[in-house]
Amino acid sequence: MLTKEQMGEPDFQKLLKVVLTDLTIRRTLLENEVQEVNEEMRSLEKDDKLDKLDVEIRAIQTDYDHYQQFVDPDFKLDVASQYQA
């Protein structure tokens, strides 16, 4: 296993972009679930489920904000295009 000291700055920035993309996707999925819950569930079930989803969304946002601090604004990378043929 390599250590983080062996990771170059470009690899570190790419890792950050991948992490931030993943967190963005997770948040979007949870926000979509919030919309579904609002449309489908009854009142007591809805409140409990919405509270749980809110906790998850806030945790994801906390991680996102934390990792965003390390991103070099001059490092350009389109994560999606990295894997296209």
PDB file of N, CA and C in Angstrom:
ATOM      1  N   MET A   1       0.840  -1.174   0.000  1.00  0.00           N
ATOM      2  CA  MET A   1       0.000   0.000   0.000  1.00  0.00           C
ATOM      3  C   MET A   1       0.890   1.245   0.000  1.00  0.00           C
ATOM      4  N   LEU A   2       0.529   2.199  -0.837  1.00  0.00           N
ATOM      5  CA  LEU A   2       1.260   3.456  -0.877  1.00  0.00           C
ATOM      6  C   LEU A   2       0.780   4.372   0.247  1.00  0.00           C
ATOM      7  N   THR A   3       1.642   5.275   0.638  1.00  0.00           N
ATOM      8  CA  THR A   3       1.257   6.249   1.663  1.00  0.00           C
ATOM      9  C   THR A   3       0.794   7.534   0.985  1.00  0.00           C
ATOM     10  N   LYS A   4       0.127   8.389   1.729  1.00  0.00           N
ATOM     11  CA  LYS A   4      -0.333   9.647   1.139  1.00  0.00           C
ATOM     12  C   LYS A   4       0.834  10.547   0.749  1.00  0.00           C
ATOM     13  N   GLU A   5       1.981  10.368   1.398  1.00  0.00           N
ATOM     14  CA  GLU A   5       3.161  11.155   1.036  1.00  0.00           C
ATOM     15  C   GLU A   5       3.676  10.775  -0.353  1.00  0.00           C
ATOM     16  N   GLN A   6       3.360   9.573  -0.807  1.00  0.00           N
ATOM     17  CA  GLN A   6       3.799   9.118  -2.122  1.00  0.00           C
ATOM     18  C   GLN A   6       2.852   9.576  -3.238  1.00  0.00           C
ATOM     19  N   MET A   7       1.767  10.207  -2.877  1.00  0.00           N
ATOM     20  CA  MET A   7       0.798  10.679  -3.858  1.00  0.00           C
ATOM     21  C   MET A   7       1.211  12.067  -4.332  1.00  0.00           C
ATOM     22  N   GLY A   8       1.284  12.227  -5.635  1.00  0.00           N
ATOM     23  CA  GLY A   8       1.611  13.527  -6.198  1.00  0.00           C
ATOM     24  C   GLY A   8       0.425  14.476  -6.113  1.00  0.00           C
ATOM     25  N   GLU A   9       0.698  15.765  -6.265  1.00  0.00           N
ATOM     26  CA  GLU A   9      -0.362  16.777  -6.187  1.00  0.00           C
ATOM     27  C   GLU A   9      -1.458  16.564  -7.234  1.00  0.00           C
ATOM     28  N   PRO A  10      -1.118  16.237  -8.489  1.00  0.00           N
ATOM     29  CA  PRO A  10      -2.197  15.982  -9.457  1.00  0.00           C
ATOM     30  C   PRO A  10      -3.099  14.814  -9.036  1.00  0.00           C
ATOM     31  N   ASP A  11      -2.500  13.745  -8.519  1.00  0.00           N
ATOM     32  CA  ASP A  11      -3.309  12.614  -8.055  1.00  0.00           C
ATOM     33  C   ASP A  11      -4.185  13.011  -6.869  1.00  0.00           C
ATOM     34  N   PHE A  12      -3.647  13.817  -5.978  1.00  0.00           N
ATOM     35  CA  PHE A  12      -4.411  14.280  -4.823  1.00  0.00           C
ATOM     36  C   PHE A  12      -5.597  15.132  -5.272  1.00  0.00           C
ATOM     37  N   GLN A  13      -5.361  16.039  -6.212  1.00  0.00           N
ATOM     38  CA  GLN A  13      -6.437  16.890  -6.712  1.00  0.00           C
ATOM     39  C   GLN A  13      -7.498  16.062  -7.445  1.00  0.00           C
ATOM     40  N   LYS A  14      -7.047  15.063  -8.197  1.00  0.00           N
ATOM     41  CA  LYS A  14      -7.998  14.181  -8.881  1.00  0.00           C
ATOM     42  C   LYS A  14      -8.835  13.418  -7.855  1.00  0.00           C
ATOM     43  N   LEU A  15      -8.201  12.930  -6.818  1.00  0.00           N
ATOM     44  CA  LEU A  15      -8.915  12.225  -5.755  1.00  0.00           C
ATOM     45  C   LEU A  15      -9.969  13.134  -5.125  1.00  0.00           C
ATOM     46  N   LEU A  16      -9.601  14.375  -4.872  1.00  0.00           N
ATOM     47  CA  LEU A  16     -10.557  15.329  -4.309  1.00  0.00           C
ATOM     48  C   LEU A  16     -11.747  15.537  -5.244  1.00  0.00           C
ATOM     49  N   LYS A  17     -11.478  15.673  -6.533  1.00  0.00           N
ATOM     50  CA  LYS A  17     -12.563  15.865  -7.500  1.00  0.00           C
ATOM     51  C   LYS A  17     -13.498  14.660  -7.508  1.00  0.00           C
ATOM     52  N   VAL A  18     -12.925  13.456  -7.462  1.00  0.00           N
ATOM     53  CA  VAL A  18     -13.736  12.239  -7.442  1.00  0.00           C
ATOM     54  C   VAL A  18     -14.593  12.194  -6.179  1.00  0.00           C
ATOM     55  N   VAL A  19     -13.991  12.513  -5.046  1.00  0.00           N
ATOM     56  CA  VAL A  19     -14.723  12.517  -3.773  1.00  0.00           C
ATOM     57  C   VAL A  19     -15.855  13.542  -3.812  1.00  0.00           C
ATOM     58  N   LEU A  20     -15.574  14.735  -4.283  1.00  0.00           N
ATOM     59  CA  LEU A  20     -16.598  15.780  -4.329  1.00  0.00           C
ATOM     60  C   LEU A  20     -17.723  15.416  -5.294  1.00  0.00           C
ATOM     61  N   THR A  21     -17.373  14.785  -6.406  1.00  0.00           N
ATOM     62  CA  THR A  21     -18.394  14.328  -7.347  1.00  0.00           C
ATOM     63  C   THR A  21     -19.273  13.268  -6.709  1.00  0.00           C
ATOM     64  N   ASP A  22     -18.655  12.323  -6.014  1.00  0.00           N
ATOM     65  CA  ASP A  22     -19.409  11.280  -5.325  1.00  0.00           C
ATOM     66  C   ASP A  22     -20.350  11.881  -4.282  1.00  0.00           C
ATOM     67  N   LEU A  23     -19.858  12.812  -3.502  1.00  0.00           N
ATOM     68  CA  LEU A  23     -20.688  13.440  -2.474  1.00  0.00           C
ATOM     69  C   LEU A  23     -21.847  14.223  -3.098  1.00  0.00           C
ATOM     70  N   THR A  24     -21.585  14.871  -4.221  1.00  0.00           N
ATOM     71  CA  THR A  24     -22.642  15.600  -4.917  1.00  0.00           C
ATOM     72  C   THR A  24     -23.729  14.649  -5.400  1.00  0.00           C
ATOM     73  N   ILE A  25     -23.324  13.521  -5.951  1.00  0.00           N
ATOM     74  CA  ILE A  25     -24.288  12.520  -6.415  1.00  0.00           C
ATOM     75  C   ILE A  25     -25.099  11.977  -5.246  1.00  0.00           C
ATOM     76  N   ARG A  26     -24.421  11.662  -4.156  1.00  0.00           N
ATOM     77  CA  ARG A  26     -25.131  11.143  -2.977  1.00  0.00           C
ATOM     78  C   ARG A  26     -26.149  12.157  -2.453  1.00  0.00           C
ATOM     79  N   ARG A  27     -25.753  13.404  -2.410  1.00  0.00           N
ATOM     80  CA  ARG A  27     -26.676  14.445  -1.927  1.00  0.00           C
ATOM     81  C   ARG A  27     -27.877  14.566  -2.860  1.00  0.00           C
ATOM     82  N   THR A  28     -27.639  14.548  -4.154  1.00  0.00           N
ATOM     83  CA  THR A  28     -28.733  14.632  -5.119  1.00  0.00           C
ATOM     84  C   THR A  28     -29.702  13.469  -4.959  1.00  0.00           C
ATOM     85  N   LEU A  29     -29.171  12.262  -4.774  1.00  0.00           N
ATOM     86  CA  LEU A  29     -30.037  11.100  -4.568  1.00  0.00           C
ATOM     87  C   LEU A  29     -30.886  11.255  -3.311  1.00  0.00           C
ATOM     88  N   LEU A  30     -30.279  11.746  -2.246  1.00  0.00           N
ATOM     89  CA  LEU A  30     -31.033  11.958  -1.009  1.00  0.00           C
ATOM     90  C   LEU A  30     -32.082  13.059  -1.171  1.00  0.00           C
ATOM     91  N   GLU A  31     -31.741  14.117  -1.878  1.00  0.00           N
ATOM     92  CA  GLU A  31     -32.710  15.187  -2.112  1.00  0.00           C
ATOM     93  C   GLU A  31     -33.882  14.683  -2.949  1.00  0.00           C
ATOM     94  N   ASN A  32     -33.596  13.812  -3.915  1.00  0.00           N
ATOM     95  CA  ASN A  32     -34.667  13.202  -4.703  1.00  0.00           C
ATOM     96  C   ASN A  32     -35.552  12.336  -3.822  1.00  0.00           C
ATOM     97  N   GLU A  33     -34.935  11.620  -2.896  1.00  0.00           N
ATOM     98  CA  GLU A  33     -35.702  10.792  -1.973  1.00  0.00           C
ATOM     99  C   GLU A  33     -36.588  11.654  -1.072  1.00  0.00           C
ATOM    100  N   VAL A  34     -36.096  12.816  -0.674  1.00  0.00           N
ATOM    101  CA  VAL A  34     -36.902  13.747   0.120  1.00  0.00           C
ATOM    102  C   VAL A  34     -38.161  14.130  -0.658  1.00  0.00           C
ATOM    103  N   GLN A  35     -38.002  14.419  -1.938  1.00  0.00           N
ATOM    104  CA  GLN A  35     -39.158  14.775  -2.762  1.00  0.00           C
ATOM    105  C   GLN A  35     -40.155  13.622  -2.836  1.00  0.00           C
ATOM    106  N   GLU A  36     -39.648  12.403  -3.010  1.00  0.00           N
ATOM    107  CA  GLU A  36     -40.526  11.234  -3.070  1.00  0.00           C
ATOM    108  C   GLU A  36     -41.270  11.042  -1.754  1.00  0.00           C
ATOM    109  N   VAL A  37     -40.575  11.196  -0.650  1.00  0.00           N
ATOM    110  CA  VAL A  37     -41.199  11.042   0.668  1.00  0.00           C
ATOM    111  C   VAL A  37     -42.298  12.083   0.846  1.00  0.00           C
ATOM    112  N   ASN A  38     -42.027  13.301   0.442  1.00  0.00           N
ATOM    113  CA  ASN A  38     -43.027  14.366   0.563  1.00  0.00           C
ATOM    114  C   ASN A  38     -44.284  14.064  -0.250  1.00  0.00           C
ATOM    115  N   GLU A  39     -44.111  13.376  -1.364  1.00  0.00           N
ATOM    116  CA  GLU A  39     -45.243  13.077  -2.233  1.00  0.00           C
ATOM    117  C   GLU A  39     -46.015  11.833  -1.802  1.00  0.00           C
ATOM    118  N   GLU A  40     -45.347  10.871  -1.160  1.00  0.00           N
ATOM    119  CA  GLU A  40     -45.951   9.563  -0.970  1.00  0.00           C
ATOM    120  C   GLU A  40     -46.328   9.191   0.458  1.00  0.00           C
ATOM    121  N   MET A  41     -45.615   9.633   1.446  1.00  0.00           N
ATOM    122  CA  MET A  41     -45.803   9.100   2.790  1.00  0.00           C
ATOM    123  C   MET A  41     -46.815   9.899   3.605  1.00  0.00           C
ATOM    124  N   ARG A  42     -47.351   9.227   4.615  1.00  0.00           N
ATOM    125  CA  ARG A  42     -48.263   9.882   5.558  1.00  0.00           C
ATOM    126  C   ARG A  42     -47.457  10.720   6.542  1.00  0.00           C
ATOM    127  N   SER A  43     -48.148  11.500   7.299  1.00  0.00           N
ATOM    128  CA  SER A  43     -47.550  12.519   8.151  1.00  0.00           C
ATOM    129  C   SER A  43     -46.507  12.008   9.150  1.00  0.00           C
ATOM    130  N   LEU A  44     -46.850  11.044  10.002  1.00  0.00           N
ATOM    131  CA  LEU A  44     -45.897  10.582  11.020  1.00  0.00           C
ATOM    132  C   LEU A  44     -44.689   9.895  10.399  1.00  0.00           C
ATOM    133  N   GLU A  45     -44.943   9.040   9.423  1.00  0.00           N
ATOM    134  CA  GLU A  45     -43.835   8.365   8.741  1.00  0.00           C
ATOM    135  C   GLU A  45     -42.970   9.385   8.009  1.00  0.00           C
ATOM    136  N   LYS A  46     -43.634  10.344   7.411  1.00  0.00           N
ATOM    137  CA  LYS A  46     -42.928  11.351   6.627  1.00  0.00           C
ATOM    138  C   LYS A  46     -41.960  12.147   7.495  1.00  0.00           C
ATOM    139  N   ASP A  47     -42.417  12.624   8.626  1.00  0.00           N
ATOM    140  CA  ASP A  47     -41.567  13.433   9.498  1.00  0.00           C
ATOM    141  C   ASP A  47     -40.328  12.676   9.945  1.00  0.00           C
ATOM    142  N   ASP A  48     -40.501  11.422  10.327  1.00  0.00           N
ATOM    143  CA  ASP A  48     -39.372  10.608  10.769  1.00  0.00           C
ATOM    144  C   ASP A  48     -38.380  10.389   9.630  1.00  0.00           C
ATOM    145  N   LYS A  49     -38.894  10.027   8.464  1.00  0.00           N
ATOM    146  CA  LYS A  49     -38.029   9.770   7.306  1.00  0.00           C
ATOM    147  C   LYS A  49     -37.318  11.056   6.877  1.00  0.00           C
ATOM    148  N   LEU A  50     -38.039  12.163   6.865  1.00  0.00           N
ATOM    149  CA  LEU A  50     -37.423  13.433   6.470  1.00  0.00           C
ATOM    150  C   LEU A  50     -36.330  13.860   7.442  1.00  0.00           C
ATOM    151  N   ASP A  51     -36.540  13.615   8.720  1.00  0.00           N
ATOM    152  CA  ASP A  51     -35.504  13.927   9.715  1.00  0.00           C
ATOM    153  C   ASP A  51     -34.242  13.115   9.455  1.00  0.00           C
ATOM    154  N   LYS A  52     -34.412  11.833   9.174  1.00  0.00           N
ATOM    155  CA  LYS A  52     -33.256  10.964   8.900  1.00  0.00           C
ATOM    156  C   LYS A  52     -32.534  11.396   7.628  1.00  0.00           C
ATOM    157  N   LEU A  53     -33.294  11.722   6.596  1.00  0.00           N
ATOM    158  CA  LEU A  53     -32.681  12.178   5.351  1.00  0.00           C
ATOM    159  C   LEU A  53     -31.952  13.502   5.552  1.00  0.00           C
ATOM    160  N   ASP A  54     -32.522  14.384   6.341  1.00  0.00           N
ATOM    161  CA  ASP A  54     -31.885  15.668   6.624  1.00  0.00           C
ATOM    162  C   ASP A  54     -30.543  15.474   7.330  1.00  0.00           C
ATOM    163  N   VAL A  55     -30.489  14.545   8.265  1.00  0.00           N
ATOM    164  CA  VAL A  55     -29.232  14.254   8.968  1.00  0.00           C
ATOM    165  C   VAL A  55     -28.183  13.762   7.970  1.00  0.00           C
ATOM    166  N   GLU A  56     -28.590  12.876   7.056  1.00  0.00           N
ATOM    167  CA  GLU A  56     -27.648  12.363   6.057  1.00  0.00           C
ATOM    168  C   GLU A  56     -27.168  13.474   5.128  1.00  0.00           C
ATOM    169  N   ILE A  57     -28.087  14.312   4.689  1.00  0.00           N
ATOM    170  CA  ILE A  57     -27.715  15.405   3.784  1.00  0.00           C
ATOM    171  C   ILE A  57     -26.753  16.369   4.466  1.00  0.00           C
ATOM    172  N   ARG A  58     -27.009  16.696   5.719  1.00  0.00           N
ATOM    173  CA  ARG A  58     -26.105  17.600   6.447  1.00  0.00           C
ATOM    174  C   ARG A  58     -24.720  16.979   6.632  1.00  0.00           C
ATOM    175  N   ALA A  59     -24.657  15.673   6.878  1.00  0.00           N
ATOM    176  CA  ALA A  59     -23.362  14.998   7.026  1.00  0.00           C
ATOM    177  C   ALA A  59     -22.587  15.031   5.712  1.00  0.00           C
ATOM    178  N   ILE A  60     -23.282  14.803   4.618  1.00  0.00           N
ATOM    179  CA  ILE A  60     -22.635  14.862   3.305  1.00  0.00           C
ATOM    180  C   ILE A  60     -22.143  16.278   3.034  1.00  0.00           C
ATOM    181  N   GLN A  61     -22.953  17.275   3.344  1.00  0.00           N
ATOM    182  CA  GLN A  61     -22.548  18.666   3.119  1.00  0.00           C
ATOM    183  C   GLN A  61     -21.330  19.032   3.967  1.00  0.00           C
ATOM    184  N   THR A  62     -21.277  18.532   5.185  1.00  0.00           N
ATOM    185  CA  THR A  62     -20.122  18.778   6.053  1.00  0.00           C
ATOM    186  C   THR A  62     -18.856  18.197   5.437  1.00  0.00           C
ATOM    187  N   ASP A  63     -18.936  16.956   4.950  1.00  0.00           N
ATOM    188  CA  ASP A  63     -17.785  16.346   4.285  1.00  0.00           C
ATOM    189  C   ASP A  63     -17.401  17.129   3.035  1.00  0.00           C
ATOM    190  N   TYR A  64     -18.392  17.503   2.243  1.00  0.00           N
ATOM    191  CA  TYR A  64     -18.133  18.250   1.017  1.00  0.00           C
ATOM    192  C   TYR A  64     -17.394  19.549   1.331  1.00  0.00           C
ATOM    193  N   ASP A  65     -17.908  20.293   2.289  1.00  0.00           N
ATOM    194  CA  ASP A  65     -17.274  21.562   2.668  1.00  0.00           C
ATOM    195  C   ASP A  65     -15.845  21.346   3.158  1.00  0.00           C
ATOM    196  N   HIS A  66     -15.631  20.276   3.912  1.00  0.00           N
ATOM    197  CA  HIS A  66     -14.289  19.974   4.425  1.00  0.00           C
ATOM    198  C   HIS A  66     -13.322  19.699   3.275  1.00  0.00           C
ATOM    199  N   TYR A  67     -13.693  18.806   2.361  1.00  0.00           N
ATOM    200  CA  TYR A  67     -12.787  18.438   1.274  1.00  0.00           C
ATOM    201  C   TYR A  67     -12.629  19.559   0.257  1.00  0.00           C
ATOM    202  N   GLN A  68     -13.640  20.376   0.103  1.00  0.00           N
ATOM    203  CA  GLN A  68     -13.572  21.492  -0.840  1.00  0.00           C
ATOM    204  C   GLN A  68     -12.443  22.457  -0.470  1.00  0.00           C
ATOM    205  N   GLN A  69     -12.105  22.544   0.796  1.00  0.00           N
ATOM    206  CA  GLN A  69     -11.036  23.434   1.249  1.00  0.00           C
ATOM    207  C   GLN A  69      -9.672  23.064   0.664  1.00  0.00           C
ATOM    208  N   PHE A  70      -9.494  21.806   0.279  1.00  0.00           N
ATOM    209  CA  PHE A  70      -8.209  21.333  -0.217  1.00  0.00           C
ATOM    210  C   PHE A  70      -8.067  21.451  -1.733  1.00  0.00           C
ATOM    211  N   VAL A  71      -9.141  21.783  -2.420  1.00  0.00           N
ATOM    212  CA  VAL A  71      -9.122  21.824  -3.879  1.00  0.00           C
ATOM    213  C   VAL A  71      -8.334  23.030  -4.362  1.00  0.00           C
ATOM    214  N   ASP A  72      -7.422  22.769  -5.285  1.00  0.00           N
ATOM    215  CA  ASP A  72      -6.659  23.829  -5.939  1.00  0.00           C
ATOM    216  C   ASP A  72      -7.537  24.392  -7.061  1.00  0.00           C
ATOM    217  N   PRO A  73      -7.940  25.653  -6.991  1.00  0.00           N
ATOM    218  CA  PRO A  73      -8.844  26.205  -8.008  1.00  0.00           C
ATOM    219  C   PRO A  73      -8.222  26.250  -9.404  1.00  0.00           C
ATOM    220  N   ASP A  74      -6.910  26.172  -9.485  1.00  0.00           N
ATOM    221  CA  ASP A  74      -6.235  26.200 -10.779  1.00  0.00           C
ATOM    222  C   ASP A  74      -6.116  24.823 -11.415  1.00  0.00           C
ATOM    223  N   PHE A  75      -6.435  23.767 -10.666  1.00  0.00           N
ATOM    224  CA  PHE A  75      -6.349  22.403 -11.188  1.00  0.00           C
ATOM    225  C   PHE A  75      -7.634  22.093 -11.947  1.00  0.00           C
ATOM    226  N   LYS A  76      -7.509  21.866 -13.246  1.00  0.00           N
ATOM    227  CA  LYS A  76      -8.678  21.622 -14.087  1.00  0.00           C
ATOM    228  C   LYS A  76      -8.774  20.129 -14.401  1.00  0.00           C
ATOM    229  N   LEU A  77      -9.938  19.563 -14.086  1.00  0.00           N
ATOM    230  CA  LEU A  77     -10.179  18.151 -14.369  1.00  0.00           C
ATOM    231  C   LEU A  77     -11.671  17.928 -14.482  1.00  0.00           C
ATOM    232  N   ASP A  78     -12.070  17.327 -15.590  1.00  0.00           N
ATOM    233  CA  ASP A  78     -13.461  16.920 -15.762  1.00  0.00           C
ATOM    234  C   ASP A  78     -13.503  15.427 -15.475  1.00  0.00           C
ATOM    235  N   VAL A  79     -13.985  15.076 -14.293  1.00  0.00           N
ATOM    236  CA  VAL A  79     -13.969  13.685 -13.846  1.00  0.00           C
ATOM    237  C   VAL A  79     -14.707  12.788 -14.823  1.00  0.00           C
ATOM    238  N   ALA A  80     -15.845  13.220 -15.315  1.00  0.00           N
ATOM    239  CA  ALA A  80     -16.651  12.388 -16.210  1.00  0.00           C
ATOM    240  C   ALA A  80     -15.904  12.062 -17.499  1.00  0.00           C
ATOM    241  N   SER A  81     -15.187  13.020 -18.053  1.00  0.00           N
ATOM    242  CA  SER A  81     -14.493  12.789 -19.320  1.00  0.00           C
ATOM    243  C   SER A  81     -13.258  11.907 -19.161  1.00  0.00           C
ATOM    244  N   GLN A  82     -12.777  11.728 -17.955  1.00  0.00           N
ATOM    245  CA  GLN A  82     -11.598  10.896 -17.711  1.00  0.00           C
ATOM    246  C   GLN A  82     -11.817   9.449 -18.117  1.00  0.00           C
ATOM    247  N   TYR A  83     -13.061   8.998 -18.094  1.00  0.00           N
ATOM    248  CA  TYR A  83     -13.344   7.582 -18.309  1.00  0.00           C
ATOM    249  C   TYR A  83     -14.079   7.322 -19.615  1.00  0.00           C
ATOM    250  N   GLN A  84     -14.232   8.339 -20.432  1.00  0.00           N
ATOM    251  CA  GLN A  84     -14.901   8.166 -21.716  1.00  0.00           C
ATOM    252  C   GLN A  84     -13.896   7.775 -22.779  1.00  0.00           C
ATOM    253  N   ALA A  85     -14.359   6.971 -23.707  1.00  0.00           N
ATOM    254  CA  ALA A  85     -13.476   6.502 -24.790  1.00  0.00           C
ATOM    255  C   ALA A  85     -13.335   7.544 -25.858  1.00  0.00           C
TER     256      ALA A  85
END
